N, C-alpha and C. Protein backbone atom coordinates (compact mmCIF):
# COMPACT_ATOMS: atom_id res chain seq x y z
N UNK A 1 68.90 66.92 -137.35
CA UNK A 1 69.29 66.12 -136.71
C UNK A 1 69.84 64.92 -137.42
N UNK A 2 70.79 64.01 -137.08
CA UNK A 2 71.56 63.42 -137.57
C UNK A 2 71.06 61.98 -137.32
N UNK A 3 71.22 61.04 -138.33
CA UNK A 3 70.30 59.73 -138.43
C UNK A 3 70.29 58.72 -137.11
N UNK A 4 71.05 58.67 -136.49
CA UNK A 4 71.72 58.04 -135.07
C UNK A 4 70.82 58.69 -133.98
N UNK A 5 70.61 60.07 -133.90
CA UNK A 5 69.97 60.73 -133.00
C UNK A 5 68.37 60.56 -132.88
N UNK A 6 67.74 60.21 -134.03
CA UNK A 6 66.44 60.18 -133.97
C UNK A 6 66.01 58.88 -133.17
N UNK A 7 66.22 57.72 -133.46
CA UNK A 7 65.95 56.55 -133.08
C UNK A 7 66.17 56.38 -131.29
N UNK A 8 67.28 56.89 -130.87
CA UNK A 8 67.77 56.90 -129.21
C UNK A 8 66.66 58.13 -128.95
N UNK A 9 66.09 59.23 -129.66
CA UNK A 9 65.21 60.38 -129.01
C UNK A 9 63.87 59.61 -128.85
N UNK A 10 63.61 59.00 -129.80
CA UNK A 10 62.27 57.92 -129.79
C UNK A 10 62.11 56.80 -128.67
N UNK A 11 63.23 56.47 -128.84
CA UNK A 11 63.42 55.17 -127.52
C UNK A 11 63.27 56.04 -126.11
N UNK A 12 64.20 56.96 -126.18
CA UNK A 12 63.73 57.60 -124.98
C UNK A 12 62.60 58.29 -124.34
N UNK A 13 61.92 58.36 -125.51
CA UNK A 13 60.30 59.06 -124.94
C UNK A 13 59.49 57.60 -124.70
N UNK A 14 59.56 56.79 -125.07
CA UNK A 14 58.96 55.51 -125.11
C UNK A 14 59.46 54.95 -123.73
N UNK A 15 60.66 54.73 -123.71
CA UNK A 15 61.05 54.39 -121.85
C UNK A 15 60.62 55.56 -121.12
N UNK A 16 60.41 56.43 -121.28
CA UNK A 16 60.04 57.74 -120.07
C UNK A 16 58.61 57.50 -120.13
N UNK A 17 57.94 57.29 -120.96
CA UNK A 17 56.19 56.88 -121.05
C UNK A 17 55.99 55.18 -120.44
N UNK A 18 56.74 54.38 -120.62
CA UNK A 18 57.12 53.15 -119.57
C UNK A 18 57.28 53.68 -118.19
N UNK A 19 58.36 54.38 -117.83
CA UNK A 19 58.40 54.75 -116.68
C UNK A 19 57.37 55.34 -115.62
N UNK A 20 56.93 56.38 -116.57
CA UNK A 20 55.54 57.08 -115.88
C UNK A 20 54.49 56.08 -115.72
N UNK A 21 54.34 55.16 -116.46
CA UNK A 21 53.14 53.99 -116.07
C UNK A 21 53.36 53.03 -115.15
N UNK A 22 54.90 52.97 -114.87
CA UNK A 22 55.09 52.24 -113.60
C UNK A 22 54.96 52.75 -112.47
N UNK A 23 55.09 54.33 -112.22
CA UNK A 23 55.17 55.05 -111.32
C UNK A 23 53.65 55.28 -111.08
N UNK A 24 52.83 55.51 -111.98
CA UNK A 24 51.36 55.18 -111.73
C UNK A 24 50.69 54.19 -111.18
N UNK A 25 51.53 53.01 -111.74
CA UNK A 25 51.20 51.95 -111.01
C UNK A 25 51.58 51.81 -109.63
N UNK A 26 52.73 51.98 -109.44
CA UNK A 26 53.67 51.95 -107.99
C UNK A 26 52.54 52.72 -107.10
N UNK A 27 52.23 54.09 -107.37
CA UNK A 27 51.54 54.95 -106.49
C UNK A 27 50.10 54.35 -106.23
N UNK A 28 49.52 53.78 -107.56
CA UNK A 28 47.92 53.23 -106.99
C UNK A 28 48.16 52.25 -106.41
N UNK A 29 48.92 51.18 -106.34
CA UNK A 29 49.24 50.02 -105.40
C UNK A 29 49.30 50.72 -103.74
N UNK A 30 50.62 51.54 -103.82
CA UNK A 30 50.88 52.23 -102.26
C UNK A 30 49.67 52.65 -101.81
N UNK A 31 49.01 53.53 -102.59
CA UNK A 31 47.46 53.70 -102.26
C UNK A 31 46.55 52.64 -101.83
N UNK A 32 46.57 51.59 -102.42
CA UNK A 32 45.65 50.66 -102.10
C UNK A 32 45.84 49.66 -101.02
N UNK A 33 47.49 49.74 -100.53
CA UNK A 33 47.85 49.32 -99.60
C UNK A 33 47.98 50.07 -98.46
N UNK A 34 47.71 51.14 -98.43
CA UNK A 34 47.91 52.13 -97.36
C UNK A 34 49.42 52.29 -97.17
N UNK A 35 50.23 52.49 -98.29
CA UNK A 35 51.60 52.48 -98.17
C UNK A 35 52.46 51.35 -97.15
N UNK A 36 51.94 50.49 -97.09
CA UNK A 36 52.44 49.58 -96.44
C UNK A 36 53.26 48.57 -97.03
N UNK A 37 54.58 48.18 -96.75
CA UNK A 37 55.72 47.51 -97.66
C UNK A 37 55.02 46.39 -98.39
N UNK A 38 55.47 46.32 -99.89
CA UNK A 38 54.72 45.00 -100.63
C UNK A 38 55.91 44.26 -101.42
N UNK A 39 55.96 43.44 -101.82
CA UNK A 39 56.86 42.69 -103.01
C UNK A 39 56.63 43.70 -104.20
N UNK A 40 55.41 43.96 -104.63
CA UNK A 40 54.92 44.79 -105.75
C UNK A 40 55.48 46.02 -105.70
N UNK A 41 55.45 46.83 -104.57
CA UNK A 41 56.01 47.97 -104.47
C UNK A 41 57.62 47.94 -104.86
N UNK A 42 58.19 46.90 -104.36
CA UNK A 42 59.38 47.05 -104.42
C UNK A 42 59.95 46.72 -106.19
N UNK A 43 59.30 45.91 -106.68
CA UNK A 43 59.30 45.37 -108.11
C UNK A 43 58.89 46.54 -109.04
N UNK A 44 57.76 47.21 -108.82
CA UNK A 44 57.44 48.24 -109.46
C UNK A 44 58.26 49.34 -109.31
N UNK A 45 58.41 49.56 -108.17
CA UNK A 45 59.54 50.70 -108.08
C UNK A 45 61.13 50.83 -108.72
N UNK A 46 61.35 49.67 -108.54
CA UNK A 46 62.69 49.20 -109.47
C UNK A 46 62.62 49.14 -110.68
N UNK A 47 61.44 48.88 -111.42
CA UNK A 47 61.20 48.79 -113.06
C UNK A 47 61.28 50.70 -113.27
N UNK A 48 60.55 51.15 -112.42
CA UNK A 48 60.63 52.99 -112.72
C UNK A 48 61.95 53.58 -112.93
N UNK A 49 62.55 52.77 -111.97
CA UNK A 49 64.07 53.39 -111.84
C UNK A 49 65.08 53.13 -112.94
N UNK A 50 64.78 51.84 -113.35
CA UNK A 50 65.38 51.09 -114.14
C UNK A 50 64.90 51.75 -115.89
N UNK A 51 63.66 52.09 -116.12
CA UNK A 51 63.21 52.63 -117.20
C UNK A 51 63.42 54.17 -117.60
N UNK A 52 63.48 54.93 -116.14
CA UNK A 52 63.65 56.00 -116.42
C UNK A 52 65.39 56.50 -116.76
N UNK A 53 66.04 55.74 -116.15
CA UNK A 53 67.74 55.42 -116.35
C UNK A 53 68.02 55.15 -117.80
N UNK A 54 67.09 54.24 -118.17
CA UNK A 54 67.69 53.92 -119.92
C UNK A 54 66.77 55.03 -120.17
N UNK A 55 65.78 55.77 -120.29
CA UNK A 55 65.38 56.79 -121.03
C UNK A 55 66.24 57.95 -121.04
N UNK A 56 67.09 58.16 -119.63
CA UNK A 56 67.95 59.22 -119.93
C UNK A 56 69.64 58.80 -120.64
N UNK A 57 69.54 57.79 -120.64
CA UNK A 57 70.79 57.35 -121.14
C UNK A 57 70.68 57.47 -122.77
N UNK A 58 69.52 56.99 -123.21
CA UNK A 58 68.83 57.27 -124.60
C UNK A 58 68.91 58.52 -124.91
N UNK A 59 68.36 59.45 -124.05
CA UNK A 59 68.30 61.19 -124.33
C UNK A 59 69.89 61.72 -124.56
N UNK A 60 70.79 61.33 -123.74
CA UNK A 60 72.21 61.47 -123.45
C UNK A 60 72.92 61.28 -125.19
N UNK A 61 72.46 59.96 -125.39
CA UNK A 61 73.08 59.48 -126.84
C UNK A 61 72.51 60.19 -127.84
N UNK A 62 71.43 60.73 -128.10
CA UNK A 62 70.76 61.74 -128.53
C UNK A 62 71.42 63.25 -128.99
N UNK A 63 71.72 63.41 -127.66
CA UNK A 63 71.89 64.82 -127.70
C UNK A 63 73.29 65.30 -128.35
N UNK A 64 73.04 66.51 -128.88
CA UNK A 64 74.39 67.14 -129.55
C UNK A 64 75.31 68.01 -128.64
N UNK A 65 75.35 67.21 -127.21
CA UNK A 65 76.60 68.11 -126.26
C UNK A 65 77.60 67.20 -126.69
N UNK A 66 78.86 67.71 -125.98
CA UNK A 66 80.18 67.24 -126.13
C UNK A 66 80.47 65.96 -125.21
N UNK A 67 81.23 65.14 -125.71
CA UNK A 67 81.51 63.73 -125.08
C UNK A 67 81.04 63.74 -123.52
N UNK A 68 82.13 64.68 -122.68
CA UNK A 68 82.21 64.82 -121.40
C UNK A 68 80.78 65.29 -120.80
N UNK A 69 79.82 65.99 -121.38
CA UNK A 69 78.76 66.08 -120.97
C UNK A 69 77.90 64.75 -120.97
N UNK A 70 77.91 64.11 -122.50
CA UNK A 70 77.22 62.78 -122.68
C UNK A 70 77.70 61.82 -121.54
N UNK A 71 78.93 61.60 -120.99
CA UNK A 71 79.49 60.73 -120.56
C UNK A 71 78.71 60.62 -118.86
N UNK A 72 78.95 61.94 -118.29
CA UNK A 72 78.28 62.34 -117.11
C UNK A 72 76.68 62.19 -117.45
N UNK A 73 75.96 62.38 -118.30
CA UNK A 73 74.30 62.08 -118.37
C UNK A 73 74.57 60.21 -118.45
N UNK A 74 75.00 59.46 -119.10
CA UNK A 74 74.92 58.47 -119.27
C UNK A 74 75.11 57.60 -117.92
N UNK A 75 76.39 58.05 -117.07
CA UNK A 75 76.57 57.27 -115.84
C UNK A 75 75.77 57.99 -114.80
N UNK A 76 74.82 58.87 -115.11
CA UNK A 76 73.63 59.07 -114.25
C UNK A 76 72.81 58.63 -114.28
N UNK A 77 72.52 58.11 -115.68
CA UNK A 77 71.50 57.28 -116.19
C UNK A 77 71.75 55.73 -115.80
N UNK A 78 72.89 55.44 -115.54
CA UNK A 78 73.30 54.33 -115.34
C UNK A 78 73.12 54.22 -113.90
N UNK A 79 73.42 55.00 -113.25
CA UNK A 79 73.14 54.87 -111.73
C UNK A 79 71.86 54.46 -111.29
N UNK A 80 70.93 55.21 -111.99
CA UNK A 80 69.62 54.96 -111.89
C UNK A 80 69.18 53.28 -112.26
N UNK A 81 69.66 52.77 -113.32
CA UNK A 81 69.56 51.44 -113.88
C UNK A 81 70.15 50.75 -112.81
N UNK A 82 71.32 50.67 -112.40
CA UNK A 82 71.73 49.91 -111.27
C UNK A 82 71.10 49.85 -109.94
N UNK A 83 70.54 51.24 -109.71
CA UNK A 83 69.54 50.85 -108.48
C UNK A 83 68.39 50.27 -108.52
N UNK A 84 67.90 50.76 -109.62
CA UNK A 84 66.87 49.95 -109.85
C UNK A 84 67.13 47.90 -110.16
N UNK A 85 67.94 47.87 -110.60
CA UNK A 85 68.48 46.45 -110.85
C UNK A 85 68.65 45.70 -109.78
N UNK A 86 69.46 46.65 -108.59
CA UNK A 86 69.68 45.83 -107.44
C UNK A 86 68.57 45.20 -106.58
N UNK A 87 67.52 45.93 -106.93
CA UNK A 87 66.16 45.41 -106.06
C UNK A 87 65.77 44.30 -106.48
N UNK A 88 66.62 43.62 -107.45
CA UNK A 88 65.55 42.31 -107.98
C UNK A 88 66.81 40.98 -107.73
N UNK A 89 68.13 41.75 -106.87
CA UNK A 89 68.90 40.78 -106.54
C UNK A 89 68.88 40.57 -104.89
N UNK A 90 69.46 39.22 -104.58
CA UNK A 90 69.53 39.00 -103.20
C UNK A 90 70.61 39.64 -102.63
N UNK A 91 70.62 39.86 -101.20
CA UNK A 91 71.82 40.68 -100.50
C UNK A 91 72.98 39.74 -101.04
N UNK A 92 74.20 40.34 -101.07
CA UNK A 92 75.59 39.88 -101.29
C UNK A 92 76.60 40.90 -101.77
N UNK A 93 77.36 40.39 -102.10
CA UNK A 93 78.82 40.99 -102.77
C UNK A 93 78.41 42.08 -104.03
N UNK A 94 77.88 41.47 -104.66
CA UNK A 94 77.13 42.03 -106.03
C UNK A 94 76.15 43.28 -105.93
N UNK A 95 75.36 43.17 -104.91
CA UNK A 95 74.58 44.01 -104.50
C UNK A 95 75.39 45.26 -104.01
N UNK A 96 76.22 45.05 -103.08
CA UNK A 96 77.16 45.90 -102.48
C UNK A 96 77.67 46.84 -103.12
N UNK A 97 78.45 46.02 -104.32
CA UNK A 97 79.30 46.46 -105.27
C UNK A 97 78.59 47.79 -106.14
N UNK A 98 77.38 47.02 -106.42
CA UNK A 98 76.12 48.11 -107.20
C UNK A 98 76.31 49.12 -106.72
N UNK A 99 75.70 49.09 -105.26
CA UNK A 99 75.52 50.09 -104.34
C UNK A 99 76.38 51.24 -104.15
N UNK A 100 77.48 50.78 -103.84
CA UNK A 100 78.83 51.51 -103.88
C UNK A 100 78.65 52.43 -105.09
N UNK A 101 78.62 51.51 -106.32
CA UNK A 101 78.92 52.22 -107.63
C UNK A 101 77.80 53.37 -107.88
N UNK A 102 76.32 53.42 -107.20
CA UNK A 102 75.51 53.86 -107.66
C UNK A 102 75.93 55.15 -106.66
N UNK A 103 76.05 55.19 -105.35
CA UNK A 103 76.55 56.26 -104.47
C UNK A 103 77.72 56.89 -105.13
N UNK A 104 78.74 56.43 -105.54
CA UNK A 104 79.95 56.92 -106.02
C UNK A 104 79.25 58.08 -107.86
N UNK A 105 78.41 57.43 -108.13
CA UNK A 105 77.90 58.39 -109.41
C UNK A 105 77.18 59.53 -108.92
N UNK A 106 76.25 59.14 -108.03
CA UNK A 106 75.52 60.46 -107.44
C UNK A 106 76.41 61.13 -106.91
N UNK A 107 76.98 61.13 -105.80
CA UNK A 107 77.97 61.65 -105.19
C UNK A 107 79.03 62.64 -106.02
N UNK A 108 79.73 61.83 -107.06
CA UNK A 108 80.46 62.85 -108.15
C UNK A 108 79.43 63.65 -109.26
N UNK A 109 78.47 63.40 -109.27
CA UNK A 109 77.68 64.12 -110.35
C UNK A 109 77.47 65.31 -109.68
N UNK A 110 76.52 64.97 -108.20
CA UNK A 110 76.13 66.26 -107.64
C UNK A 110 77.41 67.06 -106.80
N UNK A 111 78.54 66.62 -106.80
CA UNK A 111 79.64 67.41 -106.21
C UNK A 111 80.16 68.06 -107.63
N UNK A 112 80.51 67.71 -108.91
CA UNK A 112 80.44 68.38 -110.16
C UNK A 112 79.58 69.32 -109.97
N UNK A 113 78.24 69.17 -110.22
CA UNK A 113 77.41 70.43 -109.76
C UNK A 113 77.48 71.86 -108.86
N UNK A 114 77.97 70.90 -107.84
CA UNK A 114 77.96 71.89 -106.79
C UNK A 114 79.59 72.73 -106.77
N UNK A 115 80.31 71.98 -107.31
CA UNK A 115 81.58 72.92 -107.82
C UNK A 115 81.55 73.85 -108.48
N UNK A 116 80.80 73.72 -109.60
CA UNK A 116 80.36 74.64 -110.78
C UNK A 116 79.80 75.69 -110.27
N UNK A 117 78.74 75.32 -109.60
CA UNK A 117 78.11 76.93 -108.74
C UNK A 117 78.84 77.56 -108.22
N UNK A 118 79.62 76.58 -107.16
CA UNK A 118 80.60 77.48 -106.04
C UNK A 118 81.75 78.56 -107.03
N UNK A 119 82.22 78.01 -108.24
CA UNK A 119 82.84 78.84 -109.12
C UNK A 119 82.24 79.87 -109.54
N UNK A 120 81.21 80.15 -109.53
CA UNK A 120 80.17 81.30 -109.88
C UNK A 120 80.34 82.42 -109.21
N UNK A 121 80.51 83.51 -109.36
CA UNK A 121 80.41 84.69 -108.49
C UNK A 121 78.97 84.96 -107.89
């Protein structure tokens, strides 16, 4: 394992553990509040998305895959970071642009998966 891969793998693990902790807090709070919308739900859910996206980005940077696969993975992780980040911002053109970027990344990423599977016999 190259020296640059080890720190990214460790950071990916830490960020993933933090994302799971945020998820536990989210679900605990949701159960406690009987799944009624709260500001805590919005912030904790956003934090979980940001953390899992950042974890996935770190994992992609540590992976021995080719650059095409790494870029696809980094973009997917970035979509989660943007999705979570927009939850902290007031509505406006910046949030709309972020939302459009997230949708674009998800559609293109899943589209590539779909096309790959459709090409198989």
